[in-house]
Amino acid sequence: MPAGGLGVGPVGGVAEPSGGDLRKRRLPAEDTEEAGEDQSTGQRGKRHRRTNQAIVPEWVTEAHTHLLSRTEDVVWQELVELWHGFEVSYSRMGGAGMANLAASMRPAELNKWVKTRQFSSIPEITDIQQFGRDWSAWWAQLTTKKGSKTGEEDLRGVKKAGPLGVVVAVIGLGWWCDGGEEWKAAVVKARAVLKQFGTRS
């Protein structure tokens, strides 16, 4: 990342004085150099933050806002932030890790929504309990190792960035936020899964 000019004192090509003059003439130069480094570092930090914000796709920001608005439940908010950090991290990698979640067993309401992905037109969910059961069955399939008879966990099915990746499952979980204790248990499980996304694979 290009950095701004670094303020450096006049040390190159100048004969050093001796005795007391050395101390008197060096200190201002060193102070100036340190001040220049601090200022330059601050400028680089500001440019770094602006660049990172520019890298994050608009859909990530829109999804983040939508998800946070679903409920103020603390565990849910933590889950949303884990997802957001995951997407931002992979956005900076230029699209690496982007993939679609398997659509098999995905709830019908989500199947309808992904065609447009408009948060202003969320499908009506007439039976929230059935939607929750459908979501849970889909999530279990996504996070269970294929062929496992003991339900061994495999995160490769959900560790997918992009607008049709794990965010779709998180969005569906947010729609189920009136599901009571079953919903809360599902959020805890999903949070535990996303916590394991911390290391890229």
C-alpha atoms as a PDB file:
ATOM      1  CA  MET A   1       0.000   0.000   0.000  1.00  0.00           C
ATOM      2  CA  PRO A   2       1.524   3.329  -0.942  1.00  0.00           C
ATOM      3  CA  ALA A   3       2.402   5.442   2.055  1.00  0.00           C
ATOM      4  CA  GLY A   4       2.565   9.190   2.382  1.00  0.00           C
ATOM      5  CA  GLY A   5       5.894  11.028   2.640  1.00  0.00           C
ATOM      6  CA  LEU A   6       7.738  10.288   5.864  1.00  0.00           C
ATOM      7  CA  GLY A   7       9.055  13.347   7.684  1.00  0.00           C
ATOM      8  CA  VAL A   8      12.781  12.720   8.223  1.00  0.00           C
ATOM      9  CA  GLY A   9      15.325  14.992   9.850  1.00  0.00           C
ATOM     10  CA  PRO A  10      18.441  16.250   8.005  1.00  0.00           C
ATOM     11  CA  VAL A  11      20.819  13.356   8.705  1.00  0.00           C
ATOM     12  CA  GLY A  12      22.063  12.160   5.296  1.00  0.00           C
ATOM     13  CA  GLY A  13      25.220  13.786   3.902  1.00  0.00           C
ATOM     14  CA  VAL A  14      25.740  16.152   6.864  1.00  0.00           C
ATOM     15  CA  ALA A  15      28.863  16.011   9.029  1.00  0.00           C
ATOM     16  CA  GLU A  16      28.005  15.330  12.654  1.00  0.00           C
ATOM     17  CA  PRO A  17      29.078  18.010  15.143  1.00  0.00           C
ATOM     18  CA  SER A  18      30.997  17.045  18.235  1.00  0.00           C
ATOM     19  CA  GLY A  19      30.556  17.526  21.979  1.00  0.00           C
ATOM     20  CA  GLY A  20      27.557  19.418  23.340  1.00  0.00           C
ATOM     21  CA  ASP A  21      26.590  20.643  19.885  1.00  0.00           C
ATOM     22  CA  LEU A  22      25.858  17.029  18.865  1.00  0.00           C
ATOM     23  CA  ARG A  23      23.184  16.711  21.526  1.00  0.00           C
ATOM     24  CA  LYS A  24      21.669  20.115  20.826  1.00  0.00           C
ATOM     25  CA  ARG A  25      21.494  19.635  17.062  1.00  0.00           C
ATOM     26  CA  ARG A  26      20.401  15.978  17.037  1.00  0.00           C
ATOM     27  CA  LEU A  27      17.402  16.104  19.374  1.00  0.00           C
ATOM     28  CA  PRO A  28      15.205  18.335  17.194  1.00  0.00           C
ATOM     29  CA  ALA A  29      16.004  16.145  14.191  1.00  0.00           C
ATOM     30  CA  GLU A  30      15.041  12.976  16.069  1.00  0.00           C
ATOM     31  CA  ASP A  31      11.875  14.586  17.391  1.00  0.00           C
ATOM     32  CA  THR A  32      10.951  15.678  13.882  1.00  0.00           C
ATOM     33  CA  GLU A  33      11.551  12.179  12.544  1.00  0.00           C
ATOM     34  CA  GLU A  34       9.367  10.572  15.216  1.00  0.00           C
ATOM     35  CA  ALA A  35       6.642  13.138  14.698  1.00  0.00           C
ATOM     36  CA  GLY A  36       6.810  12.536  10.964  1.00  0.00           C
ATOM     37  CA  GLU A  37       6.486   8.793  11.492  1.00  0.00           C
ATOM     38  CA  ASP A  38       3.477   9.257  13.758  1.00  0.00           C
ATOM     39  CA  GLN A  39       1.786  11.581  11.288  1.00  0.00           C
ATOM     40  CA  SER A  40       2.555   9.318   8.345  1.00  0.00           C
ATOM     41  CA  THR A  41       1.309   6.264  10.228  1.00  0.00           C
ATOM     42  CA  GLY A  42      -1.928   8.063  11.035  1.00  0.00           C
ATOM     43  CA  GLN A  43      -2.383   9.039   7.393  1.00  0.00           C
ATOM     44  CA  ARG A  44      -1.699   5.462   6.254  1.00  0.00           C
ATOM     45  CA  GLY A  45      -4.246   4.195   8.791  1.00  0.00           C
ATOM     46  CA  LYS A  46      -6.934   6.519   7.453  1.00  0.00           C
ATOM     47  CA  ARG A  47      -6.198   5.516   3.860  1.00  0.00           C
ATOM     48  CA  HIS A  48      -6.188   1.850   4.897  1.00  0.00           C
ATOM     49  CA  ARG A  49      -9.633   2.131   6.463  1.00  0.00           C
ATOM     50  CA  ARG A  50     -11.039   3.937   3.419  1.00  0.00           C
ATOM     51  CA  THR A  51      -9.624   1.296   1.099  1.00  0.00           C
ATOM     52  CA  ASN A  52     -11.040  -1.579   3.137  1.00  0.00           C
ATOM     53  CA  GLN A  53     -14.487  -0.006   3.196  1.00  0.00           C
ATOM     54  CA  ALA A  54     -14.360   0.415  -0.568  1.00  0.00           C
ATOM     55  CA  ILE A  55     -13.550  -3.278  -1.005  1.00  0.00           C
ATOM     56  CA  VAL A  56     -16.671  -4.483   0.855  1.00  0.00           C
ATOM     57  CA  PRO A  57     -19.449  -5.160  -1.682  1.00  0.00           C
ATOM     58  CA  GLU A  58     -22.692  -3.229  -1.328  1.00  0.00           C
ATOM     59  CA  TRP A  59     -24.685  -6.422  -0.842  1.00  0.00           C
ATOM     60  CA  VAL A  60     -22.656  -7.212   2.297  1.00  0.00           C
ATOM     61  CA  THR A  61     -23.553  -3.842   3.817  1.00  0.00           C
ATOM     62  CA  GLU A  62     -27.232  -4.259   2.911  1.00  0.00           C
ATOM     63  CA  ALA A  63     -27.373  -7.794   4.322  1.00  0.00           C
ATOM     64  CA  HIS A  64     -25.585  -6.672   7.495  1.00  0.00           C
ATOM     65  CA  THR A  65     -28.142  -3.911   8.070  1.00  0.00           C
ATOM     66  CA  HIS A  66     -31.050  -6.255   7.385  1.00  0.00           C
ATOM     67  CA  LEU A  67     -29.761  -8.971   9.713  1.00  0.00           C
ATOM     68  CA  LEU A  68     -29.056  -6.612  12.599  1.00  0.00           C
ATOM     69  CA  SER A  69     -32.603  -5.250  12.325  1.00  0.00           C
ATOM     70  CA  ARG A  70     -34.252  -8.654  12.796  1.00  0.00           C
ATOM     71  CA  THR A  71     -33.867  -8.812  16.576  1.00  0.00           C
ATOM     72  CA  GLU A  72     -31.757  -7.318  19.358  1.00  0.00           C
ATOM     73  CA  ASP A  73     -31.022 -10.750  20.852  1.00  0.00           C
ATOM     74  CA  VAL A  74     -27.374 -10.671  21.993  1.00  0.00           C
ATOM     75  CA  VAL A  75     -26.408 -14.085  20.634  1.00  0.00           C
ATOM     76  CA  TRP A  76     -28.027 -13.257  17.309  1.00  0.00           C
ATOM     77  CA  GLN A  77     -26.094  -9.993  17.094  1.00  0.00           C
ATOM     78  CA  GLU A  78     -22.867 -11.893  17.765  1.00  0.00           C
ATOM     79  CA  LEU A  79     -23.700 -14.356  15.011  1.00  0.00           C
ATOM     80  CA  VAL A  80     -24.347 -11.531  12.549  1.00  0.00           C
ATOM     81  CA  GLU A  81     -21.011  -9.900  13.362  1.00  0.00           C
ATOM     82  CA  LEU A  82     -19.204 -13.225  12.920  1.00  0.00           C
ATOM     83  CA  TRP A  83     -20.787 -13.592   9.491  1.00  0.00           C
ATOM     84  CA  HIS A  84     -19.956  -9.993   8.577  1.00  0.00           C
ATOM     85  CA  GLY A  85     -16.308 -10.394   9.569  1.00  0.00           C
ATOM     86  CA  PHE A  86     -16.116 -13.552   7.474  1.00  0.00           C
ATOM     87  CA  GLU A  87     -17.521 -11.837   4.376  1.00  0.00           C
ATOM     88  CA  VAL A  88     -15.301  -8.771   4.759  1.00  0.00           C
ATOM     89  CA  SER A  89     -12.222 -10.979   5.122  1.00  0.00           C
ATOM     90  CA  TYR A  90     -12.977 -12.897   1.953  1.00  0.00           C
ATOM     91  CA  SER A  91     -13.985  -9.761   0.039  1.00  0.00           C
ATOM     92  CA  ARG A  92     -10.416  -8.517   0.504  1.00  0.00           C
ATOM     93  CA  MET A  93      -9.173 -11.700  -1.158  1.00  0.00           C
ATOM     94  CA  GLY A  94     -10.725 -10.715  -4.471  1.00  0.00           C
ATOM     95  CA  GLY A  95     -13.510 -13.293  -4.570  1.00  0.00           C
ATOM     96  CA  ALA A  96     -11.630 -16.319  -3.242  1.00  0.00           C
ATOM     97  CA  GLY A  97     -13.876 -18.657  -1.256  1.00  0.00           C
ATOM     98  CA  MET A  98     -17.079 -17.523  -2.972  1.00  0.00           C
ATOM     99  CA  ALA A  99     -19.523 -20.359  -3.643  1.00  0.00           C
ATOM    100  CA  ASN A 100     -23.206 -21.252  -3.387  1.00  0.00           C
ATOM    101  CA  LEU A 101     -24.801 -23.246  -0.615  1.00  0.00           C
ATOM    102  CA  ALA A 102     -26.480 -26.446  -1.749  1.00  0.00           C
ATOM    103  CA  ALA A 103     -30.117 -25.744  -2.613  1.00  0.00           C
ATOM    104  CA  SER A 104     -31.286 -29.259  -1.782  1.00  0.00           C
ATOM    105  CA  MET A 105     -33.716 -29.142   1.181  1.00  0.00           C
ATOM    106  CA  ARG A 106     -33.560 -25.326   1.300  1.00  0.00           C
ATOM    107  CA  PRO A 107     -36.864 -23.875   2.578  1.00  0.00           C
ATOM    108  CA  ALA A 108     -39.290 -22.881  -0.183  1.00  0.00           C
ATOM    109  CA  GLU A 109     -39.432 -19.273   1.049  1.00  0.00           C
ATOM    110  CA  LEU A 110     -35.668 -18.933   0.620  1.00  0.00           C
ATOM    111  CA  ASN A 111     -35.835 -20.545  -2.822  1.00  0.00           C
ATOM    112  CA  LYS A 112     -38.253 -17.815  -3.835  1.00  0.00           C
ATOM    113  CA  TRP A 113     -36.234 -15.006  -2.278  1.00  0.00           C
ATOM    114  CA  VAL A 114     -32.832 -15.875  -3.803  1.00  0.00           C
ATOM    115  CA  LYS A 115     -34.261 -15.225  -7.276  1.00  0.00           C
ATOM    116  CA  THR A 116     -34.250 -11.482  -6.573  1.00  0.00           C
ATOM    117  CA  ARG A 117     -32.439 -11.159  -3.202  1.00  0.00           C
ATOM    118  CA  GLN A 118     -34.415  -8.019  -2.383  1.00  0.00           C
ATOM    119  CA  PHE A 119     -34.764  -7.315   1.325  1.00  0.00           C
ATOM    120  CA  SER A 120     -37.760  -5.105   0.573  1.00  0.00           C
ATOM    121  CA  SER A 121     -39.744  -8.111  -0.679  1.00  0.00           C
ATOM    122  CA  ILE A 122     -39.360 -10.955   1.808  1.00  0.00           C
ATOM    123  CA  PRO A 123     -41.786 -13.817   1.096  1.00  0.00           C
ATOM    124  CA  GLU A 124     -44.643 -14.262   3.547  1.00  0.00           C
ATOM    125  CA  ILE A 125     -44.050 -17.097   5.999  1.00  0.00           C
ATOM    126  CA  THR A 126     -47.453 -18.486   6.928  1.00  0.00           C
ATOM    127  CA  ASP A 127     -46.200 -21.225   9.266  1.00  0.00           C
ATOM    128  CA  ILE A 128     -43.143 -20.032  11.192  1.00  0.00           C
ATOM    129  CA  GLN A 129     -42.756 -23.318  13.056  1.00  0.00           C
ATOM    130  CA  GLN A 130     -42.687 -25.351   9.851  1.00  0.00           C
ATOM    131  CA  PHE A 131     -40.233 -22.877   8.345  1.00  0.00           C
ATOM    132  CA  GLY A 132     -38.000 -23.400  11.375  1.00  0.00           C
ATOM    133  CA  ARG A 133     -38.124 -27.170  10.974  1.00  0.00           C
ATOM    134  CA  ASP A 134     -37.309 -26.871   7.281  1.00  0.00           C
ATOM    135  CA  TRP A 135     -34.406 -24.518   8.005  1.00  0.00           C
ATOM    136  CA  SER A 136     -33.029 -26.831  10.702  1.00  0.00           C
ATOM    137  CA  ALA A 137     -33.143 -29.856   8.393  1.00  0.00           C
ATOM    138  CA  TRP A 138     -31.353 -27.893   5.670  1.00  0.00           C
ATOM    139  CA  TRP A 139     -28.690 -26.619   8.076  1.00  0.00           C
ATOM    140  CA  ALA A 140     -28.117 -30.112   9.448  1.00  0.00           C
ATOM    141  CA  GLN A 141     -27.551 -31.409   5.936  1.00  0.00           C
ATOM    142  CA  LEU A 142     -25.137 -28.588   5.143  1.00  0.00           C
ATOM    143  CA  THR A 143     -23.047 -29.111   8.276  1.00  0.00           C
ATOM    144  CA  THR A 144     -22.965 -32.905   8.464  1.00  0.00           C
ATOM    145  CA  LYS A 145     -20.308 -34.977   6.759  1.00  0.00           C
ATOM    146  CA  LYS A 146     -21.765 -36.927   3.872  1.00  0.00           C
ATOM    147  CA  GLY A 147     -22.182 -40.609   4.644  1.00  0.00           C
ATOM    148  CA  SER A 148     -21.575 -40.095   8.348  1.00  0.00           C
ATOM    149  CA  LYS A 149     -23.700 -42.359  10.520  1.00  0.00           C
ATOM    150  CA  THR A 150     -22.814 -40.480  13.696  1.00  0.00           C
ATOM    151  CA  GLY A 151     -23.584 -36.945  12.482  1.00  0.00           C
ATOM    152  CA  GLU A 152     -19.927 -35.966  12.180  1.00  0.00           C
ATOM    153  CA  GLU A 153     -19.605 -32.248  11.495  1.00  0.00           C
ATOM    154  CA  ASP A 154     -18.190 -30.949   8.233  1.00  0.00           C
ATOM    155  CA  LEU A 155     -18.055 -27.187   7.730  1.00  0.00           C
ATOM    156  CA  ARG A 156     -17.123 -27.273   4.061  1.00  0.00           C
ATOM    157  CA  GLY A 157     -20.798 -27.248   3.137  1.00  0.00           C
ATOM    158  CA  VAL A 158     -21.401 -23.875   4.790  1.00  0.00           C
ATOM    159  CA  LYS A 159     -18.035 -22.116   4.797  1.00  0.00           C
ATOM    160  CA  LYS A 160     -18.840 -20.285   1.592  1.00  0.00           C
ATOM    161  CA  ALA A 161     -18.615 -16.555   1.020  1.00  0.00           C
ATOM    162  CA  GLY A 162     -20.629 -14.542  -1.473  1.00  0.00           C
ATOM    163  CA  PRO A 163     -24.277 -13.488  -1.944  1.00  0.00           C
ATOM    164  CA  LEU A 164     -25.453 -17.103  -2.297  1.00  0.00           C
ATOM    165  CA  GLY A 165     -23.158 -18.524   0.362  1.00  0.00           C
ATOM    166  CA  VAL A 166     -23.684 -18.941   4.080  1.00  0.00           C
ATOM    167  CA  VAL A 167     -25.413 -15.561   4.221  1.00  0.00           C
ATOM    168  CA  VAL A 168     -28.547 -17.171   2.742  1.00  0.00           C
ATOM    169  CA  ALA A 169     -28.759 -19.546   5.698  1.00  0.00           C
ATOM    170  CA  VAL A 170     -28.181 -16.699   8.161  1.00  0.00           C
ATOM    171  CA  ILE A 171     -30.900 -14.649   6.470  1.00  0.00           C
ATOM    172  CA  GLY A 172     -33.322 -17.550   6.737  1.00  0.00           C
ATOM    173  CA  LEU A 173     -32.437 -17.990  10.411  1.00  0.00           C
ATOM    174  CA  GLY A 174     -33.214 -14.316  10.921  1.00  0.00           C
ATOM    175  CA  TRP A 175     -36.672 -14.746   9.421  1.00  0.00           C
ATOM    176  CA  TRP A 176     -37.333 -17.440  12.022  1.00  0.00           C
ATOM    177  CA  CYS A 177     -36.587 -15.082  14.938  1.00  0.00           C
ATOM    178  CA  ASP A 178     -40.088 -15.563  16.410  1.00  0.00           C
ATOM    179  CA  GLY A 179     -39.427 -19.268  16.848  1.00  0.00           C
ATOM    180  CA  GLY A 180     -38.873 -19.174  20.600  1.00  0.00           C
ATOM    181  CA  GLU A 181     -36.478 -21.567  22.313  1.00  0.00           C
ATOM    182  CA  GLU A 182     -35.931 -23.716  19.223  1.00  0.00           C
ATOM    183  CA  TRP A 183     -34.794 -20.635  17.328  1.00  0.00           C
ATOM    184  CA  LYS A 184     -32.449 -19.602  20.145  1.00  0.00           C
ATOM    185  CA  ALA A 185     -30.891 -23.080  20.156  1.00  0.00           C
ATOM    186  CA  ALA A 186     -30.403 -22.894  16.384  1.00  0.00           C
ATOM    187  CA  VAL A 187     -28.699 -19.490  16.716  1.00  0.00           C
ATOM    188  CA  VAL A 188     -26.307 -20.872  19.337  1.00  0.00           C
ATOM    189  CA  LYS A 189     -25.392 -23.766  17.029  1.00  0.00           C
ATOM    190  CA  ALA A 190     -24.929 -21.483  14.029  1.00  0.00           C
ATOM    191  CA  ARG A 191     -22.761 -19.122  16.067  1.00  0.00           C
ATOM    192  CA  ALA A 192     -20.553 -22.039  17.117  1.00  0.00           C
ATOM    193  CA  VAL A 193     -20.124 -23.012  13.462  1.00  0.00           C
ATOM    194  CA  LEU A 194     -19.230 -19.499  12.292  1.00  0.00           C
ATOM    195  CA  LYS A 195     -16.730 -19.128  15.118  1.00  0.00           C
ATOM    196  CA  GLN A 196     -14.787 -21.895  13.417  1.00  0.00           C
ATOM    197  CA  PHE A 197     -14.583 -19.829  10.218  1.00  0.00           C
ATOM    198  CA  GLY A 198     -11.750 -17.830  11.801  1.00  0.00           C
ATOM    199  CA  THR A 199      -9.085 -19.777   9.915  1.00  0.00           C
ATOM    200  CA  ARG A 200      -9.274 -19.996   6.136  1.00  0.00           C
ATOM    201  CA  SER A 201      -9.209 -23.422   4.555  1.00  0.00           C
END
